[in-house]
Amino acid sequence: MNTLKFGLLGAILFASPTLFASESLTAQLETPIPGIQLYSLRNEIKHNTDQAFEHIHQWGITHVEGGRDLNGLTIDEYRDYLDKHSLKLVSVDTSYTEIRDNPIAAVYKARFFGSKFATFYWIPHGEEGEFTIDEAKAAVEVLNSAGKLLKKHGITLQYHLHGYEFSPYNNGTVFDYMVQNTHFAQFQMDVFWIAHANVDPLALLKKYPGRFSSFHLKDRVANTPKLANGLADPELNVVLGQGDIAIEDIVKEAKKQGVNDFFLEDESSRSMTQLPQSLQYYLSL
C-alpha cells in the first residue's frame, strides 16, 4: 500500500470510522481487512453487546471469532446481534471436553452460525504447568477422532497453541509430536504465545507449512521475560509493529502458504485504543 493511501486510510479510520466501513472503500483496499477475536472486547461486550459490535462494524471489520460465553444470550439472540452489525462468525469456540465427549455439538454449533472453523484453546494438564507427552498423546487421539467427524461435515477443527506445548521431547518438543501425528485437525498460531514461549513464530511456520490454518495477531512488549507455561500479563500486549514480534514477516509467509484468516487480538486494558492502530498497521503491510 502506498504512503498516500495509508495516510488517507489513517485519517478515515480515526476521523470517520463509519465511512471506513463502507463497501466501496473496503473494495479499494489492497490488503483484505482481518477479523477480530471477540475476547479483545470481552469487557465492552459484557457492558453493552450492541455497542461493542457496532464498534467492530465501524472499524470496517466483517469477520469475528469467538464469543464463547455469549454474554448470557441464547444462540439465536447472539446470531441476531451478528446479523444486525453485518458480522460473520468465522470460527466458533469449542472446548477440549466438548470435542472429546460430544464433538457433534461443535458441528451443530458451527453449522448454526455458518462457521468454517471450530476452535479450542486449552488442553487440561498438570497443576505445575508441565504438559506431558502422555497428555499430548491423549490430545492427539481426540484431535484426530473429533477432527475427522468435523471434517466430514465441512468444519475444520483447530487447536490454538498457548506455548506450554513446547516442552522438550526426544530431539524436539511435545508440539513436534502433536503436529506430526495429528492428521484430521489443524492448528491456530497465536504469534504472541509462540514468541512468549521463546519460540520463533516465523521459523515454526516455515517448519510446518500448511499446518496453521489461521492466526491471532498480537504484539509483545520487547525484552520482557519469556515463559513456556501459557501464562502472561495481558498488559504485555502492544500495538502491532511496536513490539518484538516480526508481524510483517509472519503475515507475508502465512499468505505465501495460502492462509487467509487472520484475527486481531488484544487482551490488554487498552484494547479499544490499540486495536484501531493495529488494524492500521496491518493494512499498511
Protein backbone atom coordinates (compact mmCIF):
# COMPACT_ATOMS: atom_id res chain seq x y z
CA MET A 1 0.00 0.00 0.00
CA ASN A 2 1.48 3.36 -0.97
CA THR A 3 2.09 6.15 1.52
CA LEU A 4 -0.72 8.34 0.21
CA LYS A 5 -3.31 5.61 0.54
CA PHE A 6 -2.08 4.67 4.01
CA GLY A 7 -2.28 8.29 5.14
CA LEU A 8 -5.80 8.63 3.81
CA LEU A 9 -6.82 5.36 5.43
CA GLY A 10 -5.45 6.51 8.78
CA ALA A 11 -7.37 9.77 8.58
CA ILE A 12 -10.60 7.96 7.69
CA LEU A 13 -10.13 5.32 10.37
CA PHE A 14 -9.81 7.78 13.22
CA ALA A 15 -11.96 10.64 11.95
CA SER A 16 -14.87 8.75 10.41
CA PRO A 17 -14.98 5.02 11.27
CA THR A 18 -18.43 4.61 9.70
CA LEU A 19 -17.17 5.82 6.34
CA PHE A 20 -14.21 3.45 6.67
CA ALA A 21 -16.69 0.58 6.87
CA SER A 22 -18.29 1.37 3.52
CA GLU A 23 -18.11 -1.43 0.99
CA SER A 24 -16.81 0.86 -1.75
CA LEU A 25 -13.76 1.87 0.29
CA THR A 26 -13.13 -1.64 1.54
CA ALA A 27 -13.15 -2.92 -2.03
CA GLN A 28 -10.37 -0.48 -2.90
CA LEU A 29 -8.01 -1.72 -0.19
CA GLU A 30 -5.11 -3.79 -1.44
CA THR A 31 -4.95 -5.79 1.82
CA PRO A 32 -8.12 -7.59 2.97
CA ILE A 33 -9.34 -6.46 6.37
CA PRO A 34 -8.58 -9.03 9.09
CA GLY A 35 -11.11 -10.39 11.54
CA ILE A 36 -11.13 -9.84 15.28
CA GLN A 37 -11.11 -12.21 18.25
CA LEU A 38 -14.05 -11.13 20.37
CA TYR A 39 -12.16 -11.78 23.59
CA SER A 40 -10.47 -8.45 22.85
CA LEU A 41 -13.78 -6.71 23.61
CA ARG A 42 -14.88 -9.01 26.44
CA ASN A 43 -15.43 -6.15 28.88
CA GLU A 44 -17.26 -4.00 26.34
CA ILE A 45 -19.44 -6.94 25.26
CA LYS A 46 -20.36 -7.64 28.88
CA HIS A 47 -21.31 -4.00 29.42
CA ASN A 48 -23.17 -3.39 26.14
CA THR A 49 -23.11 -6.09 23.46
CA ASP A 50 -24.88 -3.97 20.87
CA GLN A 51 -22.46 -1.07 21.25
CA ALA A 52 -19.40 -3.34 21.22
CA PHE A 53 -20.49 -4.96 17.96
CA GLU A 54 -21.17 -1.54 16.47
CA HIS A 55 -17.57 -0.53 17.24
CA ILE A 56 -16.34 -3.57 15.31
CA HIS A 57 -18.60 -2.74 12.39
CA GLN A 58 -17.41 0.87 12.34
CA TRP A 59 -13.80 -0.28 12.20
CA GLY A 60 -14.68 -1.94 8.90
CA ILE A 61 -14.27 -5.46 10.26
CA THR A 62 -16.72 -8.04 8.96
CA HIS A 63 -15.35 -11.32 10.36
CA VAL A 64 -15.15 -12.31 14.02
CA GLU A 65 -14.13 -15.26 16.10
CA GLY A 66 -15.25 -16.46 19.50
CA GLY A 67 -17.85 -15.24 21.94
CA ARG A 68 -17.84 -18.49 23.84
CA ASP A 69 -19.96 -17.38 26.79
CA LEU A 70 -22.37 -15.38 24.57
CA ASN A 71 -22.76 -12.91 27.47
CA GLY A 72 -25.83 -14.82 28.64
CA LEU A 73 -27.50 -14.62 25.25
CA THR A 74 -29.22 -17.50 23.51
CA ILE A 75 -27.56 -18.58 20.28
CA ASP A 76 -30.47 -17.04 18.34
CA GLU A 77 -30.03 -13.70 20.09
CA TYR A 78 -26.30 -13.85 19.52
CA ARG A 79 -26.73 -14.54 15.81
CA ASP A 80 -29.23 -11.67 15.60
CA TYR A 81 -26.60 -9.29 17.01
CA LEU A 82 -24.07 -10.53 14.47
CA ASP A 83 -26.51 -10.10 11.59
CA LYS A 84 -27.54 -6.64 12.80
CA HIS A 85 -23.94 -5.44 12.61
CA SER A 86 -23.04 -7.34 9.41
CA LEU A 87 -20.59 -9.64 11.22
CA LYS A 88 -19.85 -13.22 10.25
CA LEU A 89 -18.70 -15.68 12.89
CA VAL A 90 -15.90 -17.44 11.04
CA SER A 91 -14.85 -19.60 13.98
CA VAL A 92 -16.98 -20.85 16.87
CA ASP A 93 -15.48 -21.69 20.24
CA THR A 94 -15.46 -25.25 21.47
CA SER A 95 -13.53 -26.94 24.27
CA TYR A 96 -11.34 -29.98 24.79
CA THR A 97 -14.08 -31.58 26.86
CA GLU A 98 -16.72 -30.94 24.20
CA ILE A 99 -14.75 -32.34 21.29
CA ARG A 100 -13.67 -35.30 23.39
CA ASP A 101 -17.10 -36.20 24.76
CA ASN A 102 -19.62 -34.67 22.36
CA PRO A 103 -17.98 -33.48 19.13
CA ILE A 104 -21.24 -33.43 17.19
CA ALA A 105 -22.22 -30.45 19.38
CA ALA A 106 -19.34 -28.48 17.86
CA VAL A 107 -20.60 -29.47 14.41
CA TYR A 108 -24.13 -28.24 15.11
CA LYS A 109 -22.83 -25.01 16.62
CA ALA A 110 -20.58 -24.27 13.66
CA ARG A 111 -23.28 -25.11 11.15
CA PHE A 112 -25.79 -22.91 13.00
CA PHE A 113 -23.53 -19.88 12.64
CA GLY A 114 -22.21 -20.80 9.21
CA SER A 115 -18.66 -21.03 10.58
CA LYS A 116 -15.87 -22.91 8.86
CA PHE A 117 -13.76 -23.38 12.00
CA ALA A 118 -14.39 -24.76 15.46
CA THR A 119 -11.53 -23.80 17.76
CA PHE A 120 -10.48 -24.77 21.26
CA TYR A 121 -7.80 -23.02 23.27
CA TRP A 122 -6.61 -25.17 26.13
CA ILE A 123 -5.78 -28.78 26.92
CA PRO A 124 -6.06 -29.62 30.64
CA HIS A 125 -2.70 -30.65 32.05
CA GLY A 126 -0.66 -30.91 35.25
CA GLU A 127 -1.05 -28.46 38.08
CA GLU A 128 2.59 -27.35 37.84
CA GLY A 129 2.12 -26.29 34.23
CA GLU A 130 4.06 -29.08 32.53
CA PHE A 131 2.30 -30.55 29.51
CA THR A 132 3.47 -34.15 29.33
CA ILE A 133 3.87 -36.37 26.31
CA ASP A 134 1.17 -38.69 27.67
CA GLU A 135 -1.26 -35.76 27.83
CA ALA A 136 -0.24 -34.79 24.32
CA LYS A 137 -0.81 -38.32 23.01
CA ALA A 138 -4.29 -38.36 24.52
CA ALA A 139 -4.99 -34.98 22.94
CA VAL A 140 -3.81 -36.18 19.53
CA GLU A 141 -6.29 -39.06 19.70
CA VAL A 142 -9.06 -36.58 20.46
CA LEU A 143 -7.93 -34.21 17.69
CA ASN A 144 -7.92 -36.99 15.13
CA SER A 145 -11.22 -38.52 16.19
CA ALA A 146 -13.14 -35.26 16.52
CA GLY A 147 -11.32 -33.65 13.61
CA LYS A 148 -12.38 -36.47 11.30
CA LEU A 149 -16.02 -36.06 12.32
CA LEU A 150 -15.97 -32.28 11.90
CA LYS A 151 -14.21 -32.55 8.55
CA LYS A 152 -16.96 -34.90 7.35
CA HIS A 153 -19.42 -32.06 7.99
CA GLY A 154 -17.26 -29.39 6.33
CA ILE A 155 -15.81 -27.91 9.52
CA THR A 156 -12.10 -27.58 10.32
CA LEU A 157 -11.16 -28.30 13.91
CA GLN A 158 -8.40 -26.01 15.17
CA TYR A 159 -6.29 -26.16 18.29
CA HIS A 160 -4.95 -22.80 19.44
CA LEU A 161 -1.45 -23.04 20.92
CA HIS A 162 -0.59 -21.32 24.19
CA GLY A 163 3.12 -22.10 24.47
CA TYR A 164 3.13 -24.89 27.04
CA GLU A 165 3.26 -27.37 24.15
CA PHE A 166 6.96 -26.64 23.58
CA SER A 167 8.43 -28.66 26.42
CA PRO A 168 11.32 -30.90 25.30
CA TYR A 169 10.57 -34.36 23.92
CA ASN A 170 13.11 -36.66 22.25
CA ASN A 171 15.10 -34.46 19.88
CA GLY A 172 12.36 -31.86 19.60
CA THR A 173 9.28 -30.74 21.51
CA VAL A 174 5.93 -32.11 22.54
CA PHE A 175 4.41 -29.91 19.82
CA ASP A 176 6.56 -31.63 17.21
CA TYR A 177 4.95 -34.89 18.26
CA MET A 178 1.48 -33.34 18.09
CA VAL A 179 1.77 -31.81 14.66
CA GLN A 180 3.43 -34.87 13.18
CA ASN A 181 0.70 -37.19 14.47
CA THR A 182 -2.41 -35.06 14.03
CA HIS A 183 -3.96 -35.79 10.65
CA PHE A 184 -7.56 -34.53 10.78
CA ALA A 185 -7.22 -31.20 12.56
CA GLN A 186 -5.24 -28.01 12.13
CA PHE A 187 -3.50 -25.55 14.43
CA GLN A 188 -4.08 -21.89 15.08
CA MET A 189 -0.98 -19.81 15.69
CA ASP A 190 -1.21 -17.03 18.22
CA VAL A 191 2.08 -15.30 17.48
CA PHE A 192 2.21 -13.74 20.95
CA TRP A 193 2.03 -17.06 22.77
CA ILE A 194 4.55 -18.71 20.48
CA ALA A 195 7.05 -15.88 20.92
CA HIS A 196 6.36 -15.72 24.67
CA ALA A 197 7.37 -19.40 24.87
CA ASN A 198 10.74 -18.39 23.38
CA VAL A 199 9.94 -19.98 20.02
CA ASP A 200 10.32 -18.09 16.73
CA PRO A 201 6.83 -17.96 15.13
CA LEU A 202 8.27 -17.42 11.64
CA ALA A 203 10.65 -20.38 11.94
CA LEU A 204 7.82 -22.58 13.25
CA LEU A 205 5.58 -21.53 10.37
CA LYS A 206 8.27 -22.42 7.86
CA LYS A 207 8.99 -25.72 9.62
CA TYR A 208 5.36 -26.84 9.32
CA PRO A 209 3.90 -25.23 6.18
CA GLY A 210 0.22 -25.82 5.72
CA ARG A 211 -0.44 -26.84 9.33
CA PHE A 212 -1.54 -23.42 10.59
CA SER A 213 -4.96 -22.57 9.20
CA SER A 214 -5.43 -19.22 10.94
CA PHE A 215 -3.57 -16.69 13.07
CA HIS A 216 -4.05 -14.46 16.08
CA LEU A 217 -2.01 -11.31 15.53
CA LYS A 218 -0.75 -9.74 18.77
CA ASP A 219 2.49 -7.97 19.54
CA ARG A 220 4.52 -8.12 22.73
CA VAL A 221 6.47 -5.62 24.83
CA ALA A 222 10.11 -6.04 23.81
CA ASN A 223 12.72 -7.50 26.14
CA THR A 224 10.29 -8.92 28.69
CA PRO A 225 10.77 -12.40 30.21
CA LYS A 226 9.55 -15.36 28.20
CA LEU A 227 7.74 -18.31 29.76
CA ALA A 228 6.50 -21.51 28.13
CA ASN A 229 3.62 -22.09 30.52
CA GLY A 230 0.72 -20.40 28.75
CA LEU A 231 0.60 -17.53 31.25
CA ALA A 232 1.38 -13.85 30.68
CA ASP A 233 0.38 -10.42 31.88
CA PRO A 234 -2.25 -9.19 29.38
CA GLU A 235 -0.73 -5.71 29.63
CA LEU A 236 2.22 -7.04 27.61
CA ASN A 237 0.01 -6.72 24.52
CA VAL A 238 1.01 -3.71 22.42
CA VAL A 239 0.04 -2.25 19.06
CA LEU A 240 1.16 -4.40 16.13
CA GLY A 241 4.57 -3.31 14.91
CA GLN A 242 5.57 -1.77 18.25
CA GLY A 243 6.76 -4.94 19.98
CA ASP A 244 9.35 -7.66 19.47
CA ILE A 245 7.41 -9.94 17.12
CA ALA A 246 8.14 -9.88 13.38
CA ILE A 247 4.49 -9.39 12.41
CA GLU A 248 5.16 -8.31 8.83
CA ASP A 249 7.40 -11.28 8.02
CA ILE A 250 4.98 -13.74 9.64
CA VAL A 251 1.98 -12.39 7.73
CA LYS A 252 3.87 -12.47 4.44
CA GLU A 253 4.95 -16.08 4.96
CA ALA A 254 1.47 -17.15 6.06
CA LYS A 255 -0.09 -15.56 2.98
CA LYS A 256 2.55 -17.22 0.84
CA GLN A 257 1.37 -20.53 2.28
CA GLY A 258 -2.22 -19.69 1.38
CA VAL A 259 -3.55 -18.61 4.78
CA ASN A 260 -6.44 -16.16 4.53
CA ASP A 261 -7.74 -16.00 8.09
CA PHE A 262 -6.08 -13.51 10.42
CA PHE A 263 -7.65 -12.24 13.64
CA LEU A 264 -6.52 -9.20 15.56
CA GLU A 265 -6.48 -9.78 19.30
CA ASP A 266 -5.57 -7.51 22.17
CA GLU A 267 -6.04 -8.75 25.73
CA SER A 268 -4.86 -5.54 27.41
CA SER A 269 -6.94 -2.89 29.15
CA ARG A 270 -6.03 -0.59 26.22
CA SER A 271 -7.63 -2.78 23.54
CA MET A 272 -10.19 -0.22 22.36
CA THR A 273 -7.40 2.29 21.72
CA GLN A 274 -4.82 -0.15 20.41
CA LEU A 275 -6.98 -2.25 18.08
CA PRO A 276 -7.66 0.56 15.54
CA GLN A 277 -3.91 1.30 15.48
CA SER A 278 -3.10 -2.39 15.00
CA LEU A 279 -5.63 -2.52 12.17
CA GLN A 280 -3.99 0.48 10.54
CA TYR A 281 -0.58 -1.19 10.84
CA TYR A 282 -1.87 -4.44 9.32
CA LEU A 283 -3.38 -2.62 6.36
CA SER A 284 -0.04 -0.90 5.74
CA LEU A 285 1.74 -4.22 5.10
